[in-house]
Amino acid sequence: MKTAGFHIILSLVLLYAVPALSQTAVQQFTAVYVPASGSSTYSAKPAAGSNFSECSGTSFTYSWGNGSNNLLRLNSFSVNSKTYIISPQPGSSVKLRRVNNANVTGKRTILYSEITTSPASSCPGNRTLTFRAPYQDTMELELNNNILNHGTDNIFTNTGNGDNNNNNIERVDVIFPQGVYTSFVNDAGFGLFERGSNNAHDGVRIAAILSLDVNGDPASFGAVKSCIPGNGSNNGSWGHPSVANGNHSVSAYVLRKDEADTRLRVSSTVNQELGGVFFSFADLGIGFNQKIYGYTLIGPDGKSNPTSAELLNVNNTTVYPTGTTEGDGGGLDLICVNTYFGTNQALADMGTQSFGGEAWGNVNHLHWILPELNGRNRIDIQRSKDGSFFQNIFTCYTGTEHDPVEFNDEPGTGRYFYRLCIILPDGSTQMSRVISLTGDQIPEIRVGPNPVTAGNNLLLSGLLPGIYHADMISMNGTQEYRIEFRTSGGSQAIRVPEGIKTGIYLLQLDYQGVKWAKPFKLLVKGR
């Protein structure tokens, strides 16, 4: 469903030669303001240590979620005459790796957010700051987005900021737990976006995440690639469209929330524009159909070519210096766009490549994620016994109120092969990869101890590898708690919530989005 809103087109034509780098300047954005619910208001003084003009000791009114043009959502961008569309695949997460330094300890939040008027003033007459977006002070959630009028400030700066906006963030991991891969390695990849002045975008380094550990954190990395400071008009790195060509000028306030604070507090003003750079899979050294699990960002200082093992250790100060200044390259103002992009062809390939399934007894559960397809498209699910001769077993269509994303087939036990055939309105077809599933007896999951005391661990045994949700449901049918966990198979301990009341509950497991056949009856005792 398309959301109506105010469209902004940003464009820049490069009329000069640029040096060969392992990235490409973004030349055009397509963005739209969309509404978002959640208005709130509070009063607070500016952040401690900030130089907020003559108003530093004055309480301000912070008003969030004003008007209907709340979030400037990025839909696509252009690079070298190709249009790259944001991937619809869900499930990414952003993890910030912090190392305490001489200026910052604990979980400090530094964000900027656009206001409804311009320019941003260090001492507004009515002492009221009216922000477009709803209030949000969790950096990991804010960054896991495709929004252009939000972001961070000096994310890798540890010291020397005049407004005391120093961070202890040394690495940013953008993780896709299920992995992504494509045969169109030049036409799919990652777009990075930054707030900054023309010719003054900050340097950053990036590496692909090649594998994850059992906790879903990076276990190995590809080669580190660098984006140098500046922009495409002077060095071929960042793209920065001119205002005349449609760049969006962001009037915003930088806000900070220290661990002792209850809310974000203003620390400085911002009146700048936007820039972007694109790293394809090929730019990152990723090969044909090689699965990766996202990317990691680090500052431009430190050891120039760290190994994968060195990247893993955020306490290694030769790779992650803890005294980085803005002049050293810590000034990246990362915008809240952290996902992957591709051309229509590449996303179709990546979408059908995400076709997968699990065998539970005589039920083969198939699921898929497709790129956004225009109009009514036919999807044929095809099955084969030998992997060569396929027959249609089910047909569904996109463009309906609820596009299909899964199907359960019951062919009996044994090995079967499956694929998707997508038939577009013009009659052309796209084929997914072929998967094979072997039906067997449903694994026997065991739960204990039973009864269990609130606040203690419950051990689940006989699990298949993957992502689970465990819902604790009271006997009147109310879902009391949901616990999510990822396991490599076998056993997994989950903690029964401390505050749960004594009583009988049903423990309903959801595996990879599908409910386990039968819930477990569980007696919980209070402390």
Protein backbone atom coordinates (compact mmCIF):
# COMPACT_ATOMS: atom_id res chain seq x y z
CA MET A 1 0.00 0.00 0.00
CA LYS A 2 1.42 3.40 -0.97
CA THR A 3 1.24 6.25 1.55
CA ALA A 4 0.39 9.70 0.28
CA GLY A 5 2.75 12.47 1.26
CA PHE A 6 5.04 15.26 0.15
CA HIS A 7 7.67 13.91 -2.27
CA ILE A 8 11.18 15.32 -2.36
CA ILE A 9 13.52 14.44 -5.22
CA LEU A 10 17.23 15.05 -4.73
CA SER A 11 19.42 14.92 -7.80
CA LEU A 12 22.96 15.71 -8.85
CA VAL A 13 24.66 15.04 -12.17
CA LEU A 14 28.37 14.34 -11.98
CA LEU A 15 30.10 16.06 -14.87
CA TYR A 16 33.67 15.19 -14.09
CA ALA A 17 35.98 12.24 -13.66
CA VAL A 18 36.41 10.79 -10.19
CA PRO A 19 39.09 8.49 -8.83
CA ALA A 20 38.37 4.75 -8.73
CA LEU A 21 37.15 3.91 -5.25
CA SER A 22 35.40 0.92 -3.69
CA GLN A 23 32.12 2.80 -3.44
CA THR A 24 29.92 5.12 -5.50
CA ALA A 25 28.50 8.54 -4.72
CA VAL A 26 24.71 8.60 -4.41
CA GLN A 27 23.35 11.03 -7.00
CA GLN A 28 19.64 11.19 -6.23
CA PHE A 29 17.24 10.46 -3.38
CA THR A 30 13.51 9.85 -3.55
CA ALA A 31 11.88 10.48 -0.19
CA VAL A 32 8.40 11.14 1.15
CA TYR A 33 7.11 12.60 4.40
CA VAL A 34 4.80 10.17 6.17
CA PRO A 35 2.72 10.57 9.34
CA ALA A 36 3.61 8.81 12.59
CA SER A 37 1.59 8.65 15.77
CA GLY A 38 2.85 9.51 19.24
CA SER A 39 2.85 13.09 20.51
CA SER A 40 4.44 14.01 23.85
CA THR A 41 5.66 17.08 25.75
CA TYR A 42 8.04 17.67 28.63
CA SER A 43 10.24 20.41 30.12
CA ALA A 44 13.99 20.20 30.66
CA LYS A 45 17.14 22.34 30.61
CA PRO A 46 19.83 21.87 27.94
CA ALA A 47 22.22 18.93 28.35
CA ALA A 48 24.97 19.29 30.92
CA GLY A 49 28.15 20.88 29.59
CA SER A 50 26.64 22.08 26.31
CA ASN A 51 27.28 25.62 25.12
CA PHE A 52 23.69 26.51 24.33
CA SER A 53 24.06 30.26 23.94
CA GLU A 54 22.59 32.51 26.66
CA CYS A 55 19.76 30.00 27.22
CA SER A 56 21.91 27.29 28.78
CA GLY A 57 20.27 27.69 32.19
CA THR A 58 16.71 27.98 30.89
CA SER A 59 14.12 25.22 30.84
CA PHE A 60 12.74 24.45 27.39
CA THR A 61 9.47 22.86 26.34
CA TYR A 62 10.15 19.81 24.16
CA SER A 63 7.18 18.98 21.93
CA TRP A 64 7.33 15.77 19.86
CA GLY A 65 5.17 14.40 17.05
CA ASN A 66 3.97 17.73 15.60
CA GLY A 67 1.93 17.94 12.39
CA SER A 68 1.51 15.15 9.85
CA ASN A 69 4.89 15.37 8.04
CA ASN A 70 6.68 13.48 10.78
CA LEU A 71 9.16 11.08 9.17
CA LEU A 72 11.07 11.68 5.94
CA ARG A 73 11.12 8.13 4.58
CA LEU A 74 13.67 7.12 1.96
CA ASN A 75 12.21 4.95 -0.79
CA SER A 76 15.03 4.80 -3.36
CA PHE A 77 18.17 6.47 -4.64
CA SER A 78 20.14 6.59 -7.89
CA VAL A 79 23.75 5.69 -8.59
CA ASN A 80 25.27 5.84 -12.09
CA SER A 81 21.81 5.97 -13.73
CA LYS A 82 20.59 2.91 -11.80
CA THR A 83 17.76 3.13 -9.29
CA TYR A 84 18.20 1.26 -6.02
CA ILE A 85 15.09 0.39 -4.02
CA ILE A 86 14.98 -0.28 -0.31
CA SER A 87 14.63 -3.99 0.39
CA PRO A 88 11.36 -5.09 2.02
CA GLN A 89 13.06 -7.90 3.92
CA PRO A 90 12.39 -7.55 7.67
CA GLY A 91 14.38 -8.80 10.62
CA SER A 92 17.48 -6.58 10.69
CA SER A 93 18.89 -5.30 13.98
CA VAL A 94 21.42 -2.65 14.95
CA LYS A 95 23.89 -3.28 17.76
CA LEU A 96 26.20 -0.59 19.13
CA ARG A 97 29.52 -1.77 20.56
CA ARG A 98 30.60 0.56 23.37
CA VAL A 99 33.93 0.90 25.17
CA ASN A 100 34.13 3.29 28.12
CA ASN A 101 36.67 6.10 27.77
CA ALA A 102 37.93 9.07 29.78
CA ASN A 103 34.82 11.14 28.95
CA VAL A 104 31.94 8.70 28.58
CA THR A 105 30.86 5.62 30.49
CA GLY A 106 27.66 3.65 30.24
CA LYS A 107 24.83 4.04 27.76
CA ARG A 108 24.83 7.61 26.47
CA THR A 109 22.32 8.54 23.76
CA ILE A 110 23.11 11.26 21.20
CA LEU A 111 20.57 11.90 18.44
CA TYR A 112 19.40 14.72 16.23
CA SER A 113 15.82 15.26 15.11
CA GLU A 114 14.24 17.68 12.63
CA ILE A 115 12.01 20.52 13.84
CA THR A 116 8.93 22.00 12.16
CA THR A 117 10.50 25.43 11.59
CA SER A 118 13.81 26.63 10.22
CA PRO A 119 16.48 27.53 10.91
CA ALA A 120 17.19 25.94 14.27
CA SER A 121 18.12 28.65 16.78
CA SER A 122 20.27 28.28 19.88
CA CYS A 123 17.88 30.50 21.81
CA PRO A 124 14.32 30.34 20.38
CA GLY A 125 12.11 33.17 21.57
CA ASN A 126 9.33 31.07 23.04
CA ARG A 127 11.75 28.48 24.50
CA THR A 128 9.78 25.74 22.71
CA LEU A 129 11.32 23.07 20.48
CA THR A 130 8.77 21.48 18.13
CA PHE A 131 9.99 18.23 16.62
CA ARG A 132 8.36 16.50 13.66
CA ALA A 133 8.96 12.93 14.83
CA PRO A 134 7.55 11.14 17.87
CA TYR A 135 9.89 10.82 20.84
CA GLN A 136 12.44 8.02 20.69
CA ASP A 137 15.61 7.78 22.80
CA THR A 138 16.90 4.27 22.02
CA MET A 139 19.70 4.64 19.48
CA GLU A 140 19.56 1.03 18.29
CA LEU A 141 15.85 1.33 17.41
CA GLU A 142 16.28 4.78 15.90
CA LEU A 143 19.09 3.63 13.61
CA ASN A 144 17.24 0.52 12.41
CA ASN A 145 15.12 2.51 10.01
CA ASN A 146 14.85 4.16 6.59
CA ILE A 147 14.25 7.70 7.87
CA LEU A 148 16.29 10.69 6.67
CA ASN A 149 15.35 13.41 9.19
CA HIS A 150 16.70 11.52 12.20
CA GLY A 151 20.18 10.41 13.06
CA THR A 152 23.18 10.45 15.34
CA ASP A 153 25.84 13.08 15.90
CA ASN A 154 29.59 12.47 15.92
CA ILE A 155 29.00 8.78 16.48
CA PHE A 156 32.71 7.82 16.72
CA THR A 157 33.93 10.95 18.58
CA ASN A 158 35.32 10.21 22.05
CA THR A 159 36.72 13.59 23.08
CA GLY A 160 37.00 17.28 22.23
CA ASN A 161 33.42 18.11 21.26
CA GLY A 162 32.55 21.64 22.38
CA ASP A 163 29.02 20.69 23.42
CA ASN A 164 30.21 17.64 25.38
CA ASN A 165 28.62 15.40 22.74
CA ASN A 166 31.28 12.72 23.04
CA ASN A 167 30.44 9.05 22.51
CA ASN A 168 31.82 5.70 23.64
CA ILE A 169 30.60 3.86 20.52
CA GLU A 170 33.43 2.08 18.67
CA ARG A 171 31.52 -0.14 16.23
CA VAL A 172 28.05 -0.24 14.67
CA ASP A 173 26.79 -3.68 13.57
CA VAL A 174 23.82 -3.89 11.18
CA ILE A 175 22.78 -7.55 11.26
CA PHE A 176 20.48 -9.63 9.06
CA PRO A 177 20.04 -12.85 11.09
CA GLN A 178 18.80 -14.93 8.14
CA GLY A 179 21.54 -13.68 5.82
CA VAL A 180 21.32 -12.12 2.35
CA TYR A 181 22.90 -13.11 -0.95
CA THR A 182 22.47 -12.46 -4.65
CA SER A 183 23.85 -13.33 -8.05
CA PHE A 184 23.71 -9.59 -8.98
CA VAL A 185 26.64 -8.53 -6.79
CA ASN A 186 27.10 -5.18 -8.56
CA ASP A 187 23.44 -4.21 -8.25
CA ALA A 188 22.73 -4.86 -4.56
CA GLY A 189 24.37 -3.59 -1.42
CA PHE A 190 24.28 -1.04 1.36
CA GLY A 191 23.62 2.70 1.29
CA LEU A 192 25.12 4.88 4.02
CA PHE A 193 23.71 8.34 4.63
CA GLU A 194 25.07 11.29 6.58
CA ARG A 195 24.03 14.79 7.58
CA GLY A 196 26.68 17.36 6.73
CA SER A 197 27.87 20.31 4.69
CA ASN A 198 28.84 20.17 1.02
CA ASN A 199 32.41 18.85 0.60
CA ALA A 200 32.51 18.03 4.30
CA HIS A 201 31.02 14.57 4.82
CA ASP A 202 32.98 12.45 7.26
CA GLY A 203 35.07 9.37 6.63
CA VAL A 204 33.97 5.92 7.69
CA ARG A 205 35.04 2.30 7.16
CA ILE A 206 32.80 -0.66 6.41
CA ALA A 207 33.18 -4.45 6.29
CA ALA A 208 30.73 -7.22 5.47
CA ILE A 209 29.69 -9.58 8.28
CA LEU A 210 30.51 -13.07 6.99
CA SER A 211 29.15 -15.20 9.84
CA LEU A 212 27.30 -15.05 13.17
CA ASP A 213 27.87 -16.86 16.44
CA VAL A 214 25.20 -18.73 18.42
CA ASN A 215 24.10 -15.44 20.03
CA GLY A 216 23.49 -13.81 16.65
CA ASP A 217 26.53 -11.54 16.91
CA PRO A 218 29.25 -11.20 14.25
CA ALA A 219 31.79 -14.03 14.24
CA SER A 220 33.86 -13.02 11.20
CA PHE A 221 34.25 -10.11 8.80
CA GLY A 222 35.30 -9.43 5.24
CA ALA A 223 37.97 -6.95 4.18
CA VAL A 224 37.65 -3.40 5.52
CA LYS A 225 36.80 -0.76 2.89
CA SER A 226 37.16 2.99 3.36
CA CYS A 227 35.05 5.96 2.40
CA ILE A 228 37.22 9.06 2.67
CA PRO A 229 35.92 12.48 3.80
CA GLY A 230 34.50 14.94 1.31
CA ASN A 231 32.00 14.31 -1.45
CA GLY A 232 31.69 13.32 -5.08
CA SER A 233 32.45 16.81 -6.37
CA ASN A 234 35.98 16.76 -5.00
CA ASN A 235 37.03 13.14 -4.43
CA GLY A 236 34.38 10.65 -5.58
CA SER A 237 33.33 9.46 -2.14
CA TRP A 238 30.07 10.84 -0.73
CA GLY A 239 27.34 12.15 -3.00
CA HIS A 240 25.89 15.50 -1.96
CA PRO A 241 23.21 16.91 -4.27
CA SER A 242 22.99 20.69 -4.32
CA VAL A 243 20.00 22.55 -2.92
CA ALA A 244 19.18 23.71 -6.46
CA ASN A 245 18.93 20.05 -7.45
CA GLY A 246 16.64 19.19 -4.55
CA ASN A 247 18.72 18.39 -1.47
CA HIS A 248 16.74 18.52 1.78
CA SER A 249 17.96 21.05 4.32
CA VAL A 250 17.57 19.62 7.82
CA SER A 251 16.91 22.12 10.59
CA ALA A 252 17.32 20.09 13.75
CA TYR A 253 18.53 19.97 17.30
CA VAL A 254 21.14 17.58 18.60
CA LEU A 255 19.97 16.04 21.87
CA ARG A 256 21.73 14.01 24.53
CA LYS A 257 20.55 11.67 27.25
CA ASP A 258 23.08 10.59 29.84
CA GLU A 259 22.45 7.59 32.09
CA ALA A 260 21.27 9.87 34.90
CA ASP A 261 18.77 11.66 32.63
CA THR A 262 15.17 10.60 32.14
CA ARG A 263 14.70 12.37 28.78
CA LEU A 264 16.68 13.71 25.85
CA ARG A 265 17.98 17.25 26.40
CA VAL A 266 19.04 19.72 23.72
CA SER A 267 22.78 20.30 23.25
CA SER A 268 23.33 22.07 19.91
CA THR A 269 21.69 23.31 16.72
CA VAL A 270 22.00 21.84 13.23
CA ASN A 271 21.17 23.37 9.84
CA GLN A 272 22.72 21.04 7.28
CA GLU A 273 21.93 18.86 4.28
CA LEU A 274 22.20 15.18 3.35
CA GLY A 275 24.70 12.98 1.59
CA GLY A 276 24.95 9.32 0.63
CA VAL A 277 27.34 6.63 -0.56
CA PHE A 278 26.68 3.14 -1.90
CA PHE A 279 28.75 0.00 -1.33
CA SER A 280 27.72 -2.91 -3.53
CA PHE A 281 28.30 -6.54 -2.60
CA ALA A 282 31.11 -6.55 -5.16
CA ASP A 283 32.67 -3.41 -3.59
CA LEU A 284 32.84 -5.28 -0.29
CA GLY A 285 34.54 -8.28 -1.90
CA ILE A 286 31.44 -10.50 -1.78
CA GLY A 287 31.10 -13.10 -4.52
CA PHE A 288 28.28 -14.64 -6.55
CA ASN A 289 25.58 -16.00 -4.20
CA GLN A 290 27.88 -15.68 -1.17
CA LYS A 291 25.72 -15.29 1.93
CA ILE A 292 26.55 -12.44 4.31
CA TYR A 293 24.83 -11.25 7.47
CA GLY A 294 25.00 -7.48 7.17
CA TYR A 295 27.80 -4.99 7.67
CA THR A 296 29.80 -3.25 10.36
CA LEU A 297 30.92 0.39 10.53
CA ILE A 298 34.01 1.69 12.32
CA GLY A 299 35.79 5.03 12.47
CA PRO A 300 38.46 5.98 9.94
CA ASP A 301 41.30 6.13 12.49
CA GLY A 302 43.12 3.22 14.07
CA LYS A 303 44.90 0.38 12.27
CA SER A 304 44.32 0.77 8.53
CA ASN A 305 43.71 -2.88 7.58
CA PRO A 306 42.58 -4.82 10.65
CA THR A 307 42.04 -8.55 10.37
CA SER A 308 38.71 -10.19 11.10
CA ALA A 309 39.97 -11.31 14.52
CA GLU A 310 41.15 -7.78 15.32
CA LEU A 311 37.79 -6.32 14.31
CA LEU A 312 36.01 -8.66 16.71
CA ASN A 313 37.86 -7.29 19.74
CA VAL A 314 36.41 -3.81 20.37
CA ASN A 315 38.82 -3.44 23.30
CA ASN A 316 41.80 -3.48 20.92
CA THR A 317 42.81 0.19 21.02
CA THR A 318 45.07 -0.12 17.97
CA VAL A 319 41.92 -0.79 15.93
CA TYR A 320 39.47 1.16 18.09
CA PRO A 321 41.24 4.21 19.65
CA THR A 322 39.30 5.58 22.63
CA GLY A 323 40.56 9.16 22.22
CA THR A 324 39.14 9.88 18.76
CA THR A 325 38.35 13.54 18.02
CA GLU A 326 36.21 14.97 15.25
CA GLY A 327 39.45 15.99 13.52
CA ASP A 328 40.63 12.37 13.69
CA GLY A 329 37.50 11.34 11.80
CA GLY A 330 34.99 10.66 14.56
CA GLY A 331 32.41 13.13 13.28
CA LEU A 332 30.17 10.80 11.27
CA ASP A 333 26.54 11.97 11.66
CA LEU A 334 24.98 8.68 10.64
CA ILE A 335 21.39 8.98 9.39
CA CYS A 336 18.81 6.39 10.41
CA VAL A 337 18.95 4.37 7.18
CA ASN A 338 20.52 0.98 7.77
CA THR A 339 19.26 -1.78 5.51
CA TYR A 340 20.12 -3.09 2.06
CA PHE A 341 19.15 -1.92 -1.41
CA GLY A 342 19.07 -3.27 -4.92
CA THR A 343 17.82 -2.73 -8.43
CA ASN A 344 14.47 -4.33 -9.30
CA GLN A 345 16.28 -7.27 -10.84
CA ALA A 346 18.63 -7.74 -7.88
CA LEU A 347 15.86 -7.51 -5.29
CA ALA A 348 13.76 -10.02 -7.20
CA ASP A 349 16.75 -12.35 -7.15
CA MET A 350 17.40 -11.72 -3.45
CA GLY A 351 13.73 -12.13 -2.67
CA THR A 352 13.32 -15.48 -4.38
CA GLN A 353 16.65 -16.59 -2.94
CA SER A 354 15.08 -16.10 0.50
CA PHE A 355 12.72 -18.99 -0.24
CA GLY A 356 13.16 -21.61 2.50
CA GLY A 357 11.40 -24.21 4.60
CA GLU A 358 11.41 -26.74 7.42
CA ALA A 359 10.14 -30.32 7.60
CA TRP A 360 8.00 -31.25 10.60
CA GLY A 361 6.87 -34.83 10.39
CA ASN A 362 4.76 -35.13 7.23
CA VAL A 363 4.31 -31.33 6.96
CA ASN A 364 6.76 -29.29 4.91
CA HIS A 365 6.50 -25.64 5.93
CA LEU A 366 7.54 -23.30 3.09
CA HIS A 367 8.11 -19.55 3.50
CA TRP A 368 9.48 -16.73 1.41
CA ILE A 369 10.15 -12.98 1.25
CA LEU A 370 9.64 -11.22 -2.06
CA PRO A 371 10.58 -7.73 -3.24
CA GLU A 372 7.78 -5.22 -3.75
CA LEU A 373 6.04 -6.22 -6.98
CA ASN A 374 3.73 -3.91 -8.88
CA GLY A 375 0.23 -5.10 -9.76
CA ARG A 376 -1.15 -8.61 -9.54
CA ASN A 377 1.56 -11.27 -9.81
CA ARG A 378 0.99 -15.00 -9.81
CA ILE A 379 3.07 -17.25 -7.54
CA ASP A 380 3.17 -20.98 -8.30
CA ILE A 381 4.56 -23.29 -5.63
CA GLN A 382 6.10 -26.28 -7.41
CA ARG A 383 7.10 -29.68 -6.00
CA SER A 384 9.28 -32.45 -7.36
CA LYS A 385 10.19 -35.93 -6.16
CA ASP A 386 13.40 -36.17 -8.19
CA GLY A 387 14.50 -32.52 -8.38
CA SER A 388 14.00 -32.42 -12.16
CA PHE A 389 10.31 -32.74 -12.97
CA PHE A 390 8.25 -30.11 -11.07
CA GLN A 391 4.48 -29.80 -10.81
CA ASN A 392 2.35 -26.96 -9.45
CA ILE A 393 0.81 -27.76 -6.08
CA PHE A 394 -0.54 -24.34 -5.12
CA THR A 395 -1.15 -20.95 -6.75
CA CYS A 396 -1.57 -17.57 -5.03
CA TYR A 397 -1.30 -13.91 -6.01
CA THR A 398 0.41 -10.75 -4.80
CA GLY A 399 -1.42 -7.44 -4.84
CA THR A 400 -4.06 -8.75 -2.44
CA GLU A 401 -4.87 -7.34 0.98
CA HIS A 402 -2.50 -9.85 2.59
CA ASP A 403 0.23 -11.04 0.27
CA PRO A 404 1.04 -14.75 0.83
CA VAL A 405 4.35 -15.51 2.57
CA GLU A 406 4.05 -19.19 3.57
CA PHE A 407 2.44 -22.51 2.69
CA ASN A 408 2.21 -25.92 4.40
CA ASP A 409 2.48 -28.97 2.14
CA GLU A 410 1.65 -32.50 3.35
CA PRO A 411 3.14 -34.92 0.81
CA GLY A 412 4.03 -37.60 3.37
CA THR A 413 7.43 -38.57 4.71
CA GLY A 414 10.48 -38.68 2.46
CA ARG A 415 12.52 -36.17 0.49
CA TYR A 416 10.85 -33.54 -1.74
CA PHE A 417 12.13 -30.61 -3.78
CA TYR A 418 10.41 -27.20 -3.99
CA ARG A 419 10.71 -23.94 -5.90
CA LEU A 420 8.72 -20.75 -6.53
CA CYS A 421 7.75 -19.55 -9.98
CA ILE A 422 6.70 -15.87 -10.07
CA ILE A 423 4.76 -14.87 -13.17
CA LEU A 424 4.75 -11.09 -13.74
CA PRO A 425 1.91 -9.19 -15.49
CA ASP A 426 3.93 -9.01 -18.74
CA GLY A 427 4.18 -12.82 -18.81
CA SER A 428 7.84 -13.02 -17.82
CA THR A 429 8.85 -15.35 -15.00
CA GLN A 430 11.28 -15.37 -12.10
CA MET A 431 12.36 -18.66 -10.55
CA SER A 432 13.57 -19.12 -6.99
CA ARG A 433 16.33 -21.39 -5.92
CA VAL A 434 15.41 -25.07 -5.38
CA ILE A 435 15.26 -26.36 -1.79
CA SER A 436 14.84 -29.92 -0.53
CA LEU A 437 13.04 -31.04 2.62
CA THR A 438 12.98 -34.49 4.16
CA GLY A 439 9.97 -35.31 6.31
CA ASP A 440 10.48 -37.37 9.45
CA GLN A 441 8.96 -37.77 12.86
CA ILE A 442 8.18 -34.52 14.68
CA PRO A 443 10.95 -33.87 17.21
CA GLU A 444 9.87 -34.48 20.77
CA ILE A 445 10.29 -31.28 22.77
CA ARG A 446 10.61 -31.65 26.52
CA VAL A 447 9.97 -28.89 29.06
CA GLY A 448 11.08 -28.91 32.69
CA PRO A 449 11.00 -28.59 35.57
CA ASN A 450 7.23 -28.67 35.94
CA PRO A 451 6.16 -27.11 38.26
CA VAL A 452 8.60 -24.21 37.98
CA THR A 453 9.17 -21.23 40.30
CA ALA A 454 8.80 -17.69 38.96
CA GLY A 455 12.22 -16.15 38.30
CA ASN A 456 13.87 -19.53 37.67
CA ASN A 457 14.97 -21.11 34.40
CA LEU A 458 12.85 -23.45 32.33
CA LEU A 459 14.82 -25.89 30.14
CA LEU A 460 13.50 -26.69 26.65
CA SER A 461 15.10 -29.75 25.04
CA GLY A 462 14.85 -31.32 21.58
CA LEU A 463 14.77 -27.99 19.71
CA LEU A 464 15.50 -27.51 16.02
CA PRO A 465 17.93 -24.70 15.09
CA GLY A 466 16.25 -21.34 14.54
CA ILE A 467 14.22 -18.54 16.11
CA TYR A 468 11.50 -19.28 18.66
CA HIS A 469 8.84 -17.35 20.52
CA ALA A 470 7.51 -18.81 23.77
CA ASP A 471 4.12 -17.39 24.79
CA MET A 472 2.88 -17.89 28.35
CA ILE A 473 -0.90 -17.93 28.14
CA SER A 474 -3.23 -17.92 31.15
CA MET A 475 -6.10 -20.39 31.28
CA ASN A 476 -8.53 -17.62 30.29
CA GLY A 477 -6.66 -17.23 27.00
CA THR A 478 -4.71 -14.05 27.81
CA GLN A 479 -1.10 -13.86 26.62
CA GLU A 480 0.81 -12.83 29.74
CA TYR A 481 4.41 -12.88 28.51
CA ARG A 482 6.37 -13.51 25.30
CA ILE A 483 9.98 -14.70 25.34
CA GLU A 484 12.03 -14.67 22.12
CA PHE A 485 15.22 -16.68 21.66
CA ARG A 486 17.51 -18.05 18.96
CA THR A 487 19.13 -21.46 19.27
CA SER A 488 21.52 -23.61 17.26
CA GLY A 489 19.46 -26.64 18.30
CA GLY A 490 19.32 -29.01 21.23
CA SER A 491 18.52 -27.35 24.56
CA GLN A 492 17.77 -23.78 25.57
CA ALA A 493 17.10 -22.28 29.01
CA ILE A 494 14.54 -19.48 29.23
CA ARG A 495 13.80 -17.46 32.35
CA VAL A 496 10.26 -17.51 33.73
CA PRO A 497 9.32 -13.87 34.49
CA GLU A 498 9.76 -12.98 38.16
CA GLY A 499 6.47 -11.14 38.46
CA ILE A 500 4.22 -13.83 37.02
CA LYS A 501 1.36 -14.95 39.27
CA THR A 502 1.00 -18.46 40.66
CA GLY A 503 -1.21 -20.57 38.42
CA ILE A 504 -1.51 -22.93 35.48
CA TYR A 505 -0.34 -21.61 32.09
CA LEU A 506 -0.07 -22.88 28.56
CA LEU A 507 3.40 -22.53 27.05
CA GLN A 508 2.87 -22.11 23.28
CA LEU A 509 5.99 -22.34 21.13
CA ASP A 510 6.25 -20.55 17.80
CA TYR A 511 9.07 -21.84 15.58
CA GLN A 512 10.15 -19.69 12.61
CA GLY A 513 6.71 -18.03 12.57
CA VAL A 514 4.66 -21.26 12.86
CA LYS A 515 3.00 -22.50 16.05
CA TRP A 516 4.13 -25.83 17.47
CA ALA A 517 1.32 -28.34 17.23
CA LYS A 518 0.45 -28.58 20.92
CA PRO A 519 1.03 -26.18 23.85
CA PHE A 520 2.56 -27.40 27.10
CA LYS A 521 0.61 -27.14 30.36
CA LEU A 522 2.84 -25.58 32.99
CA LEU A 523 2.34 -24.94 36.71
CA VAL A 524 4.11 -21.77 37.87
CA LYS A 525 4.67 -21.08 41.56
CA GLY A 526 5.26 -17.57 42.86
CA ARG A 527 8.23 -16.76 45.08
